[in-house]
Amino acid sequence: MTKALSQRQRKVGETLRHILAEVLLRGDYPPVTVTQVVPSPDLRHARVYVFAPGDMGQALDALAAGARALQAAINRGARLKFTPRLTFVADTSFGEAERIEAILREIGE
């Protein structure tokens, strides 16, 4: 069972999400949507959940390769004692939602 995020973790996660979304929009990165950022309790690491409409593996590889530049952008944009180390993870909730929607449509027919 996972522990609920603290108020500080939620606030930092939202700040990081906004900074990353802005940087990814104007940078040389594949088109991705940052759906959620979950910082660790000590705020030194952050798991970044992304959704890519194309090849998810390729997008994750590109983001991992550019992680240091993205961390530098966070360092400039957020007032944190430490810049969190980023780990990019595929957000599968969109696929799950589509699967559930297809099942409900099938039942309704």
Protein backbone atom coordinates (compact mmCIF):
# COMPACT_ATOMS: atom_id res chain seq x y z
CA MET A 1 0.00 0.00 0.00
CA THR A 2 1.43 3.36 -1.01
CA LYS A 3 1.51 6.23 1.39
CA ALA A 4 -0.48 9.34 0.49
CA LEU A 5 1.51 12.31 -0.75
CA SER A 6 2.07 15.18 1.65
CA GLN A 7 0.84 18.67 0.85
CA ARG A 8 4.43 19.70 0.08
CA GLN A 9 4.94 16.76 -2.29
CA ARG A 10 1.73 17.59 -4.17
CA LYS A 11 2.66 21.27 -4.47
CA VAL A 12 6.21 20.50 -5.67
CA GLY A 13 4.86 17.87 -8.08
CA GLU A 14 2.46 20.36 -9.66
CA THR A 15 5.21 22.98 -9.96
CA LEU A 16 7.51 20.45 -11.61
CA ARG A 17 4.73 19.32 -13.95
CA HIS A 18 4.13 22.89 -15.14
CA ILE A 19 7.84 23.58 -15.67
CA LEU A 20 8.39 20.31 -17.55
CA ALA A 21 5.31 20.79 -19.73
CA GLU A 22 6.50 24.24 -20.75
CA VAL A 23 10.07 23.12 -21.47
CA LEU A 24 8.95 20.04 -23.41
CA LEU A 25 6.58 22.14 -25.50
CA ARG A 26 9.28 24.46 -26.77
CA GLY A 27 12.22 22.05 -26.75
CA ASP A 28 13.43 19.41 -29.18
CA TYR A 29 11.55 16.57 -27.54
CA PRO A 30 8.93 14.19 -28.90
CA PRO A 31 5.32 15.24 -28.35
CA VAL A 32 4.39 14.03 -24.87
CA THR A 33 1.91 14.99 -22.20
CA VAL A 34 3.16 15.17 -18.63
CA THR A 35 0.23 13.74 -16.69
CA GLN A 36 1.67 13.66 -13.19
CA VAL A 37 4.90 14.21 -11.27
CA VAL A 38 5.34 12.32 -7.99
CA PRO A 39 8.27 13.54 -5.87
CA SER A 40 9.86 11.34 -3.22
CA PRO A 41 9.29 12.33 0.43
CA ASP A 42 12.74 13.98 0.59
CA LEU A 43 12.09 15.75 -2.79
CA ARG A 44 15.42 14.50 -4.21
CA HIS A 45 13.81 12.22 -6.81
CA ALA A 46 10.70 12.57 -8.92
CA ARG A 47 8.82 10.06 -11.04
CA VAL A 48 7.41 11.80 -14.14
CA TYR A 49 4.41 10.08 -15.74
CA VAL A 50 4.09 10.85 -19.45
CA PHE A 51 1.78 9.89 -22.27
CA ALA A 52 3.03 9.86 -25.86
CA PRO A 53 0.60 9.42 -28.75
CA GLY A 54 3.30 7.76 -30.88
CA ASP A 55 6.04 5.36 -29.90
CA MET A 56 6.16 5.41 -26.10
CA GLY A 57 9.52 3.64 -25.90
CA GLN A 58 11.17 6.14 -28.21
CA ALA A 59 9.67 9.04 -26.26
CA LEU A 60 10.89 7.64 -22.93
CA ASP A 61 14.39 7.12 -24.36
CA ALA A 62 14.49 10.72 -25.65
CA LEU A 63 13.31 12.07 -22.30
CA ALA A 64 15.84 9.98 -20.38
CA ALA A 65 18.60 11.26 -22.66
CA GLY A 66 17.52 14.86 -22.02
CA ALA A 67 16.93 14.43 -18.29
CA ARG A 68 19.92 16.56 -17.26
CA ALA A 69 18.77 19.47 -19.42
CA LEU A 70 15.28 19.13 -18.00
CA GLN A 71 16.67 19.08 -14.47
CA ALA A 72 18.60 22.28 -15.27
CA ALA A 73 15.33 23.90 -16.42
CA ILE A 74 13.72 22.85 -13.15
CA ASN A 75 16.65 24.32 -11.25
CA ARG A 76 16.08 27.66 -12.99
CA GLY A 77 12.30 27.61 -12.62
CA ALA A 78 11.65 26.19 -9.16
CA ARG A 79 12.84 27.42 -5.80
CA LEU A 80 13.95 24.13 -4.29
CA LYS A 81 16.90 23.27 -2.09
CA PHE A 82 17.69 20.27 -4.29
CA THR A 83 16.84 19.67 -7.93
CA PRO A 84 15.06 16.31 -8.09
CA ARG A 85 16.55 13.54 -10.20
CA LEU A 86 13.94 12.66 -12.84
CA THR A 87 12.73 9.21 -13.80
CA PHE A 88 10.31 9.01 -16.74
CA VAL A 89 7.53 6.42 -16.68
CA ALA A 90 4.82 5.60 -19.21
CA ASP A 91 1.35 6.58 -17.99
CA THR A 92 -0.93 3.67 -18.84
CA SER A 93 -4.12 5.22 -17.48
CA PHE A 94 -5.18 6.42 -20.94
CA GLY A 95 -4.96 2.89 -22.35
CA GLU A 96 -6.89 1.52 -19.38
CA ALA A 97 -9.60 4.16 -19.84
CA GLU A 98 -9.93 3.28 -23.53
CA ARG A 99 -10.16 -0.42 -22.69
CA ILE A 100 -12.90 0.19 -20.09
CA GLU A 101 -14.78 2.44 -22.50
CA ALA A 102 -14.65 -0.28 -25.20
CA ILE A 103 -16.02 -2.86 -22.73
CA LEU A 104 -18.86 -0.52 -21.73
CA ARG A 105 -19.72 0.16 -25.37
CA GLU A 106 -19.74 -3.59 -26.04
CA ILE A 107 -22.08 -4.19 -23.09
CA GLY A 108 -24.41 -1.40 -24.24
CA GLU A 109 -24.90 -2.93 -27.69
